[in-house]
Amino acid sequence: MNSNDDPEAETVAVAADGADSVQGAGSGAGSVPAAPAQAEGEVEAGGEVEAGGEVEAPTDSGNTATASPTRRLFWSAIGVALGLLLLDQGTKWWAVSALGDSESISVIGDFIRFWLVYNPGAAFSMGTGVTWIFTVFAGVAVVAIAWYAWRVRSTPWTYALGLLLGGATSHFGDRLFRAPGFGRGHVVDFIDYSGFFVGNVADIGIFAGAVTIVVLSFKGIEPTHDAATATQTAQTAQTAQTATRNADTGSDLSRE
């Protein structure tokens, strides 16, 4: 008997053809055009893609960006302090060796002259009988300034605190290691301002740092805020927004 005349064979053939048609249509409908490679690359650079097509900006980069400038500024403050410390101690060594026996050197007439003085007290020779108190104050000042310099993110504040730290550290060293004994040392002063005040290079640094801080405070420049840090934060936010838009574009292309 011919297979073409068999109704059951004809039914099986039609079913097979229909299954092939359905499979081909399904594969055609299931194929989705791939999103452009550029969009995928930009999404991967900006952050991770979540299920809803949103991009989660990386969180560790913000912390790293904040910590890195802080450390860099702190070491800048240490560098300024070390430079002032070396300059002050070097000029004091020169004064002790060159200005002995009450010898004086005129610099600007009688207005400024070099004259060696050992100061057991504070400014204007106050508190000469309690030198150890000034030693404690100097040590506390060094620790407090260093701690604050670690938290500062403003470049001008960094240099101002570096000057304060260098001057305080140099005075603290004089109190600890100079005569007449440990913790009771006398600070070497040799810059005489018309007999009104006798100081040293560390005093100049402390005065300059204090004036800088006053000016910055009046100008509204905060110690924990810097223009460079603000710019970097804005760029990070802009990058996250760009990545989010690229992810949305890729999601729209996938739906099409």
C-alpha atoms as a PDB file:
ATOM      1  CA  MET A   1       0.000   0.000   0.000  1.00  0.00           C
ATOM      2  CA  ASN A   2       1.320   3.493  -0.896  1.00  0.00           C
ATOM      3  CA  SER A   3       2.291   5.687   2.033  1.00  0.00           C
ATOM      4  CA  ASN A   4       0.735   8.723   0.383  1.00  0.00           C
ATOM      5  CA  ASP A   5      -2.649   7.053   0.693  1.00  0.00           C
ATOM      6  CA  ASP A   6      -2.223   6.358   4.403  1.00  0.00           C
ATOM      7  CA  PRO A   7      -4.047   9.018   6.496  1.00  0.00           C
ATOM      8  CA  GLU A   8      -1.979   8.317   9.608  1.00  0.00           C
ATOM      9  CA  ALA A   9       1.319   8.807   7.787  1.00  0.00           C
ATOM     10  CA  GLU A  10       0.063  12.096   6.367  1.00  0.00           C
ATOM     11  CA  THR A  11      -0.948  13.266   9.842  1.00  0.00           C
ATOM     12  CA  VAL A  12       2.530  12.421  11.257  1.00  0.00           C
ATOM     13  CA  ALA A  13       4.244  14.323   8.455  1.00  0.00           C
ATOM     14  CA  VAL A  14       2.109  17.437   9.023  1.00  0.00           C
ATOM     15  CA  ALA A  15       2.837  17.356  12.769  1.00  0.00           C
ATOM     16  CA  ALA A  16       6.566  17.098  12.143  1.00  0.00           C
ATOM     17  CA  ASP A  17       6.492  20.036   9.748  1.00  0.00           C
ATOM     18  CA  GLY A  18       4.573  22.106  12.319  1.00  0.00           C
ATOM     19  CA  ALA A  19       7.067  21.326  15.071  1.00  0.00           C
ATOM     20  CA  ASP A  20       9.938  22.426  12.854  1.00  0.00           C
ATOM     21  CA  SER A  21       8.104  25.660  12.064  1.00  0.00           C
ATOM     22  CA  VAL A  22       7.460  26.384  15.743  1.00  0.00           C
ATOM     23  CA  GLN A  23      11.109  25.699  16.649  1.00  0.00           C
ATOM     24  CA  GLY A  24      12.345  28.000  13.903  1.00  0.00           C
ATOM     25  CA  ALA A  25       9.986  30.779  14.963  1.00  0.00           C
ATOM     26  CA  GLY A  26      10.996  30.374  18.606  1.00  0.00           C
ATOM     27  CA  SER A  27      14.671  30.598  17.804  1.00  0.00           C
ATOM     28  CA  GLY A  28      14.056  33.675  15.696  1.00  0.00           C
ATOM     29  CA  ALA A  29      12.017  35.376  18.418  1.00  0.00           C
ATOM     30  CA  GLY A  30      14.492  34.427  21.127  1.00  0.00           C
ATOM     31  CA  SER A  31      17.477  36.004  19.414  1.00  0.00           C
ATOM     32  CA  VAL A  32      18.156  39.450  20.915  1.00  0.00           C
ATOM     33  CA  PRO A  33      20.552  41.885  19.293  1.00  0.00           C
ATOM     34  CA  ALA A  34      23.624  42.354  21.447  1.00  0.00           C
ATOM     35  CA  ALA A  35      24.241  45.715  22.982  1.00  0.00           C
ATOM     36  CA  PRO A  36      27.158  47.678  21.580  1.00  0.00           C
ATOM     37  CA  ALA A  37      30.523  46.725  23.013  1.00  0.00           C
ATOM     38  CA  GLN A  38      31.274  50.307  23.893  1.00  0.00           C
ATOM     39  CA  ALA A  39      28.238  50.521  26.167  1.00  0.00           C
ATOM     40  CA  GLU A  40      29.216  47.286  27.896  1.00  0.00           C
ATOM     41  CA  GLY A  41      32.752  48.522  28.455  1.00  0.00           C
ATOM     42  CA  GLU A  42      31.573  51.784  29.915  1.00  0.00           C
ATOM     43  CA  VAL A  43      29.178  49.979  32.258  1.00  0.00           C
ATOM     44  CA  GLU A  44      31.919  47.683  33.484  1.00  0.00           C
ATOM     45  CA  ALA A  45      34.203  50.644  34.135  1.00  0.00           C
ATOM     46  CA  GLY A  46      31.548  52.579  36.044  1.00  0.00           C
ATOM     47  CA  GLY A  47      30.271  49.827  38.318  1.00  0.00           C
ATOM     48  CA  GLU A  48      28.358  46.576  38.586  1.00  0.00           C
ATOM     49  CA  VAL A  49      25.025  46.063  36.801  1.00  0.00           C
ATOM     50  CA  GLU A  50      22.150  44.939  38.998  1.00  0.00           C
ATOM     51  CA  ALA A  51      19.033  42.976  37.988  1.00  0.00           C
ATOM     52  CA  GLY A  52      16.956  46.083  37.302  1.00  0.00           C
ATOM     53  CA  GLY A  53      19.526  47.554  34.918  1.00  0.00           C
ATOM     54  CA  GLU A  54      20.831  49.986  37.520  1.00  0.00           C
ATOM     55  CA  VAL A  55      24.530  50.470  38.115  1.00  0.00           C
ATOM     56  CA  GLU A  56      26.004  50.245  41.564  1.00  0.00           C
ATOM     57  CA  ALA A  57      28.922  52.631  41.794  1.00  0.00           C
ATOM     58  CA  PRO A  58      32.033  51.171  43.429  1.00  0.00           C
ATOM     59  CA  THR A  59      32.263  52.118  47.085  1.00  0.00           C
ATOM     60  CA  ASP A  60      35.914  51.345  47.813  1.00  0.00           C
ATOM     61  CA  SER A  61      37.231  53.913  45.330  1.00  0.00           C
ATOM     62  CA  GLY A  62      35.640  56.785  47.283  1.00  0.00           C
ATOM     63  CA  ASN A  63      37.332  55.721  50.509  1.00  0.00           C
ATOM     64  CA  THR A  64      40.658  55.293  48.743  1.00  0.00           C
ATOM     65  CA  ALA A  65      40.342  58.679  47.066  1.00  0.00           C
ATOM     66  CA  THR A  66      39.680  60.281  50.455  1.00  0.00           C
ATOM     67  CA  ALA A  67      42.440  58.486  52.333  1.00  0.00           C
ATOM     68  CA  SER A  68      45.170  59.027  49.748  1.00  0.00           C
ATOM     69  CA  PRO A  69      45.086  62.888  49.703  1.00  0.00           C
ATOM     70  CA  THR A  70      44.870  62.904  53.505  1.00  0.00           C
ATOM     71  CA  ARG A  71      48.051  60.853  53.842  1.00  0.00           C
ATOM     72  CA  ARG A  72      49.814  62.918  51.192  1.00  0.00           C
ATOM     73  CA  LEU A  73      48.914  66.186  52.924  1.00  0.00           C
ATOM     74  CA  PHE A  74      49.973  64.806  56.299  1.00  0.00           C
ATOM     75  CA  TRP A  75      53.432  63.931  55.006  1.00  0.00           C
ATOM     76  CA  SER A  76      53.609  67.396  53.435  1.00  0.00           C
ATOM     77  CA  ALA A  77      52.984  68.887  56.879  1.00  0.00           C
ATOM     78  CA  ILE A  78      55.700  66.646  58.321  1.00  0.00           C
ATOM     79  CA  GLY A  79      58.071  67.836  55.589  1.00  0.00           C
ATOM     80  CA  VAL A  80      57.377  71.493  56.388  1.00  0.00           C
ATOM     81  CA  ALA A  81      57.819  70.831  60.106  1.00  0.00           C
ATOM     82  CA  LEU A  82      61.100  68.976  59.553  1.00  0.00           C
ATOM     83  CA  GLY A  83      62.447  71.778  57.363  1.00  0.00           C
ATOM     84  CA  LEU A  84      61.638  74.409  60.010  1.00  0.00           C
ATOM     85  CA  LEU A  85      63.084  72.207  62.762  1.00  0.00           C
ATOM     86  CA  LEU A  86      66.401  71.819  60.948  1.00  0.00           C
ATOM     87  CA  LEU A  87      66.574  75.519  60.072  1.00  0.00           C
ATOM     88  CA  ASP A  88      65.816  76.587  63.632  1.00  0.00           C
ATOM     89  CA  GLN A  89      68.287  74.215  65.262  1.00  0.00           C
ATOM     90  CA  GLY A  90      70.950  75.109  62.698  1.00  0.00           C
ATOM     91  CA  THR A  91      70.611  78.841  63.353  1.00  0.00           C
ATOM     92  CA  LYS A  92      70.620  78.211  67.102  1.00  0.00           C
ATOM     93  CA  TRP A  93      73.841  76.234  66.775  1.00  0.00           C
ATOM     94  CA  TRP A  94      75.347  79.162  64.868  1.00  0.00           C
ATOM     95  CA  ALA A  95      74.134  81.663  67.477  1.00  0.00           C
ATOM     96  CA  VAL A  96      75.610  79.684  70.370  1.00  0.00           C
ATOM     97  CA  SER A  97      78.981  79.424  68.625  1.00  0.00           C
ATOM     98  CA  ALA A  98      79.160  82.954  67.207  1.00  0.00           C
ATOM     99  CA  LEU A  99      77.400  85.152  69.747  1.00  0.00           C
ATOM    100  CA  GLY A 100      79.097  84.228  72.998  1.00  0.00           C
ATOM    101  CA  ASP A 101      80.204  86.685  75.693  1.00  0.00           C
ATOM    102  CA  SER A 102      77.206  89.029  75.105  1.00  0.00           C
ATOM    103  CA  GLU A 103      78.361  89.816  71.590  1.00  0.00           C
ATOM    104  CA  SER A 104      75.748  91.348  69.259  1.00  0.00           C
ATOM    105  CA  ILE A 105      75.555  91.767  65.502  1.00  0.00           C
ATOM    106  CA  SER A 106      73.539  94.586  63.976  1.00  0.00           C
ATOM    107  CA  VAL A 107      71.281  93.468  61.117  1.00  0.00           C
ATOM    108  CA  ILE A 108      68.973  96.458  60.489  1.00  0.00           C
ATOM    109  CA  GLY A 109      70.427  99.227  62.652  1.00  0.00           C
ATOM    110  CA  ASP A 110      69.092  98.977  66.176  1.00  0.00           C
ATOM    111  CA  PHE A 111      65.756  97.631  64.972  1.00  0.00           C
ATOM    112  CA  ILE A 112      66.917  94.036  64.465  1.00  0.00           C
ATOM    113  CA  ARG A 113      70.142  92.593  65.831  1.00  0.00           C
ATOM    114  CA  PHE A 114      71.497  89.215  66.796  1.00  0.00           C
ATOM    115  CA  TRP A 115      72.038  88.829  70.528  1.00  0.00           C
ATOM    116  CA  LEU A 116      72.215  85.494  72.368  1.00  0.00           C
ATOM    117  CA  VAL A 117      69.709  84.892  75.184  1.00  0.00           C
ATOM    118  CA  TYR A 118      68.741  81.683  77.026  1.00  0.00           C
ATOM    119  CA  ASN A 119      65.050  81.797  77.896  1.00  0.00           C
ATOM    120  CA  PRO A 120      63.835  79.470  80.678  1.00  0.00           C
ATOM    121  CA  GLY A 121      60.223  80.663  80.414  1.00  0.00           C
ATOM    122  CA  ALA A 122      57.680  81.464  77.736  1.00  0.00           C
ATOM    123  CA  ALA A 123      57.415  84.467  75.457  1.00  0.00           C
ATOM    124  CA  PHE A 124      58.638  87.732  76.991  1.00  0.00           C
ATOM    125  CA  SER A 125      60.474  85.577  79.613  1.00  0.00           C
ATOM    126  CA  MET A 126      57.292  84.811  81.521  1.00  0.00           C
ATOM    127  CA  GLY A 127      57.194  81.888  83.961  1.00  0.00           C
ATOM    128  CA  THR A 128      60.956  81.525  84.318  1.00  0.00           C
ATOM    129  CA  GLY A 129      60.598  79.543  87.547  1.00  0.00           C
ATOM    130  CA  VAL A 130      58.347  76.789  86.173  1.00  0.00           C
ATOM    131  CA  THR A 131      60.204  75.601  83.091  1.00  0.00           C
ATOM    132  CA  TRP A 132      58.919  72.024  83.415  1.00  0.00           C
ATOM    133  CA  ILE A 133      55.325  73.240  82.867  1.00  0.00           C
ATOM    134  CA  PHE A 134      56.288  74.700  79.507  1.00  0.00           C
ATOM    135  CA  THR A 135      57.980  71.412  78.646  1.00  0.00           C
ATOM    136  CA  VAL A 136      54.705  69.560  79.258  1.00  0.00           C
ATOM    137  CA  PHE A 137      52.741  72.142  77.281  1.00  0.00           C
ATOM    138  CA  ALA A 138      55.185  71.892  74.376  1.00  0.00           C
ATOM    139  CA  GLY A 139      54.879  68.087  74.297  1.00  0.00           C
ATOM    140  CA  VAL A 140      51.089  68.222  74.354  1.00  0.00           C
ATOM    141  CA  ALA A 141      51.120  70.842  71.593  1.00  0.00           C
ATOM    142  CA  VAL A 142      53.281  68.646  69.350  1.00  0.00           C
ATOM    143  CA  VAL A 143      50.946  65.654  69.745  1.00  0.00           C
ATOM    144  CA  ALA A 144      47.778  67.746  69.272  1.00  0.00           C
ATOM    145  CA  ILE A 145      49.052  69.505  66.138  1.00  0.00           C
ATOM    146  CA  ALA A 146      50.236  66.242  64.587  1.00  0.00           C
ATOM    147  CA  TRP A 147      46.863  64.594  65.290  1.00  0.00           C
ATOM    148  CA  TYR A 148      44.982  67.494  63.725  1.00  0.00           C
ATOM    149  CA  ALA A 149      47.310  67.602  60.709  1.00  0.00           C
ATOM    150  CA  TRP A 150      46.408  63.944  60.021  1.00  0.00           C
ATOM    151  CA  ARG A 151      42.734  64.906  59.652  1.00  0.00           C
ATOM    152  CA  VAL A 152      43.214  68.012  57.496  1.00  0.00           C
ATOM    153  CA  ARG A 153      42.376  67.893  53.756  1.00  0.00           C
ATOM    154  CA  SER A 154      43.136  71.508  52.866  1.00  0.00           C
ATOM    155  CA  THR A 155      46.535  72.343  51.388  1.00  0.00           C
ATOM    156  CA  PRO A 156      46.839  75.850  52.971  1.00  0.00           C
ATOM    157  CA  TRP A 157      45.874  74.433  56.357  1.00  0.00           C
ATOM    158  CA  THR A 158      48.476  71.700  55.894  1.00  0.00           C
ATOM    159  CA  TYR A 159      51.320  74.195  55.456  1.00  0.00           C
ATOM    160  CA  ALA A 160      50.099  76.339  58.353  1.00  0.00           C
ATOM    161  CA  LEU A 161      49.966  73.347  60.690  1.00  0.00           C
ATOM    162  CA  GLY A 162      53.374  72.227  59.430  1.00  0.00           C
ATOM    163  CA  LEU A 163      54.836  75.551  60.549  1.00  0.00           C
ATOM    164  CA  LEU A 164      53.184  75.256  63.956  1.00  0.00           C
ATOM    165  CA  LEU A 165      54.361  71.666  64.328  1.00  0.00           C
ATOM    166  CA  GLY A 166      57.947  72.480  63.369  1.00  0.00           C
ATOM    167  CA  GLY A 167      58.191  75.413  65.776  1.00  0.00           C
ATOM    168  CA  ALA A 168      56.604  73.522  68.667  1.00  0.00           C
ATOM    169  CA  THR A 169      58.830  70.483  68.083  1.00  0.00           C
ATOM    170  CA  SER A 170      61.995  72.598  68.054  1.00  0.00           C
ATOM    171  CA  HIS A 171      61.036  74.317  71.305  1.00  0.00           C
ATOM    172  CA  PHE A 172      60.155  70.951  72.822  1.00  0.00           C
ATOM    173  CA  GLY A 173      63.615  69.681  71.891  1.00  0.00           C
ATOM    174  CA  ASP A 174      65.240  72.648  73.619  1.00  0.00           C
ATOM    175  CA  ARG A 175      63.213  71.998  76.760  1.00  0.00           C
ATOM    176  CA  LEU A 176      64.207  68.344  76.804  1.00  0.00           C
ATOM    177  CA  PHE A 177      67.897  68.345  75.890  1.00  0.00           C
ATOM    178  CA  ARG A 178      69.470  71.728  76.592  1.00  0.00           C
ATOM    179  CA  ALA A 179      71.033  72.934  79.829  1.00  0.00           C
ATOM    180  CA  PRO A 180      70.510  73.021  82.728  1.00  0.00           C
ATOM    181  CA  GLY A 181      68.882  69.539  82.592  1.00  0.00           C
ATOM    182  CA  PHE A 182      66.428  67.161  80.977  1.00  0.00           C
ATOM    183  CA  GLY A 183      62.926  68.651  80.844  1.00  0.00           C
ATOM    184  CA  ARG A 184      64.208  71.962  82.228  1.00  0.00           C
ATOM    185  CA  GLY A 185      66.177  73.201  79.231  1.00  0.00           C
ATOM    186  CA  HIS A 186      66.340  76.840  78.232  1.00  0.00           C
ATOM    187  CA  VAL A 187      65.270  77.890  74.728  1.00  0.00           C
ATOM    188  CA  VAL A 188      67.940  79.614  72.644  1.00  0.00           C
ATOM    189  CA  ASP A 189      66.793  83.077  71.462  1.00  0.00           C
ATOM    190  CA  PHE A 190      68.992  85.350  69.381  1.00  0.00           C
ATOM    191  CA  ILE A 191      66.851  87.645  67.185  1.00  0.00           C
ATOM    192  CA  ASP A 192      66.383  90.903  69.090  1.00  0.00           C
ATOM    193  CA  TYR A 193      63.548  93.156  67.881  1.00  0.00           C
ATOM    194  CA  SER A 194      64.570  96.575  69.283  1.00  0.00           C
ATOM    195  CA  GLY A 195      64.756  95.154  72.796  1.00  0.00           C
ATOM    196  CA  PHE A 196      61.005  94.529  72.776  1.00  0.00           C
ATOM    197  CA  PHE A 197      61.219  90.805  72.070  1.00  0.00           C
ATOM    198  CA  VAL A 198      64.020  88.261  71.559  1.00  0.00           C
ATOM    199  CA  GLY A 199      63.070  85.187  69.561  1.00  0.00           C
ATOM    200  CA  ASN A 200      64.318  82.643  67.063  1.00  0.00           C
ATOM    201  CA  VAL A 201      63.422  81.102  63.703  1.00  0.00           C
ATOM    202  CA  ALA A 202      60.903  78.723  65.305  1.00  0.00           C
ATOM    203  CA  ASP A 203      59.003  81.723  66.686  1.00  0.00           C
ATOM    204  CA  ILE A 204      58.819  83.192  63.177  1.00  0.00           C
ATOM    205  CA  GLY A 205      57.396  79.915  61.869  1.00  0.00           C
ATOM    206  CA  ILE A 206      54.827  79.695  64.668  1.00  0.00           C
ATOM    207  CA  PHE A 207      53.764  83.294  64.089  1.00  0.00           C
ATOM    208  CA  ALA A 208      53.443  82.759  60.324  1.00  0.00           C
ATOM    209  CA  GLY A 209      51.417  79.574  60.841  1.00  0.00           C
ATOM    210  CA  ALA A 210      49.082  81.266  63.330  1.00  0.00           C
ATOM    211  CA  VAL A 211      48.501  84.255  61.031  1.00  0.00           C
ATOM    212  CA  THR A 212      47.787  81.908  58.109  1.00  0.00           C
ATOM    213  CA  ILE A 213      45.178  80.027  60.151  1.00  0.00           C
ATOM    214  CA  VAL A 214      43.474  83.298  61.127  1.00  0.00           C
ATOM    215  CA  VAL A 215      43.355  84.418  57.473  1.00  0.00           C
ATOM    216  CA  LEU A 216      41.986  81.065  56.322  1.00  0.00           C
ATOM    217  CA  SER A 217      39.321  81.157  59.012  1.00  0.00           C
ATOM    218  CA  PHE A 218      38.183  84.639  57.976  1.00  0.00           C
ATOM    219  CA  LYS A 219      38.063  83.525  54.322  1.00  0.00           C
ATOM    220  CA  GLY A 220      35.861  80.575  55.273  1.00  0.00           C
ATOM    221  CA  ILE A 221      38.317  77.909  54.118  1.00  0.00           C
ATOM    222  CA  GLU A 222      37.627  74.809  56.198  1.00  0.00           C
ATOM    223  CA  PRO A 223      40.498  72.517  57.252  1.00  0.00           C
ATOM    224  CA  THR A 224      38.612  69.346  56.275  1.00  0.00           C
ATOM    225  CA  HIS A 225      37.557  70.545  52.819  1.00  0.00           C
ATOM    226  CA  ASP A 226      39.733  71.082  49.768  1.00  0.00           C
ATOM    227  CA  ALA A 227      38.840  72.184  46.244  1.00  0.00           C
ATOM    228  CA  ALA A 228      40.794  69.305  44.700  1.00  0.00           C
ATOM    229  CA  THR A 229      38.949  66.756  46.831  1.00  0.00           C
ATOM    230  CA  ALA A 230      35.595  68.301  45.946  1.00  0.00           C
ATOM    231  CA  THR A 231      36.477  68.174  42.242  1.00  0.00           C
ATOM    232  CA  GLN A 232      37.495  64.523  42.485  1.00  0.00           C
ATOM    233  CA  THR A 233      34.259  63.663  44.280  1.00  0.00           C
ATOM    234  CA  ALA A 234      32.221  65.413  41.588  1.00  0.00           C
ATOM    235  CA  GLN A 235      34.091  63.515  38.866  1.00  0.00           C
ATOM    236  CA  THR A 236      33.392  60.199  40.618  1.00  0.00           C
ATOM    237  CA  ALA A 237      29.688  61.027  40.830  1.00  0.00           C
ATOM    238  CA  GLN A 238      29.627  62.038  37.166  1.00  0.00           C
ATOM    239  CA  THR A 239      31.282  58.753  36.182  1.00  0.00           C
ATOM    240  CA  ALA A 240      28.639  56.803  38.105  1.00  0.00           C
ATOM    241  CA  GLN A 241      25.844  58.756  36.402  1.00  0.00           C
ATOM    242  CA  THR A 242      27.376  58.113  32.959  1.00  0.00           C
ATOM    243  CA  ALA A 243      27.597  54.399  33.705  1.00  0.00           C
ATOM    244  CA  THR A 244      23.950  54.374  34.787  1.00  0.00           C
ATOM    245  CA  ARG A 245      22.834  56.018  31.527  1.00  0.00           C
ATOM    246  CA  ASN A 246      24.883  53.543  29.491  1.00  0.00           C
ATOM    247  CA  ALA A 247      23.301  50.629  31.363  1.00  0.00           C
ATOM    248  CA  ASP A 248      19.820  52.005  30.656  1.00  0.00           C
ATOM    249  CA  THR A 249      20.719  52.360  26.969  1.00  0.00           C
ATOM    250  CA  GLY A 250      21.913  48.748  26.831  1.00  0.00           C
ATOM    251  CA  SER A 251      18.708  47.591  28.538  1.00  0.00           C
ATOM    252  CA  ASP A 252      16.563  49.442  25.950  1.00  0.00           C
ATOM    253  CA  LEU A 253      18.490  47.856  23.088  1.00  0.00           C
ATOM    254  CA  SER A 254      17.971  44.425  24.602  1.00  0.00           C
ATOM    255  CA  ARG A 255      14.210  44.973  24.779  1.00  0.00           C
ATOM    256  CA  GLU A 256      14.127  45.999  21.116  1.00  0.00           C
END
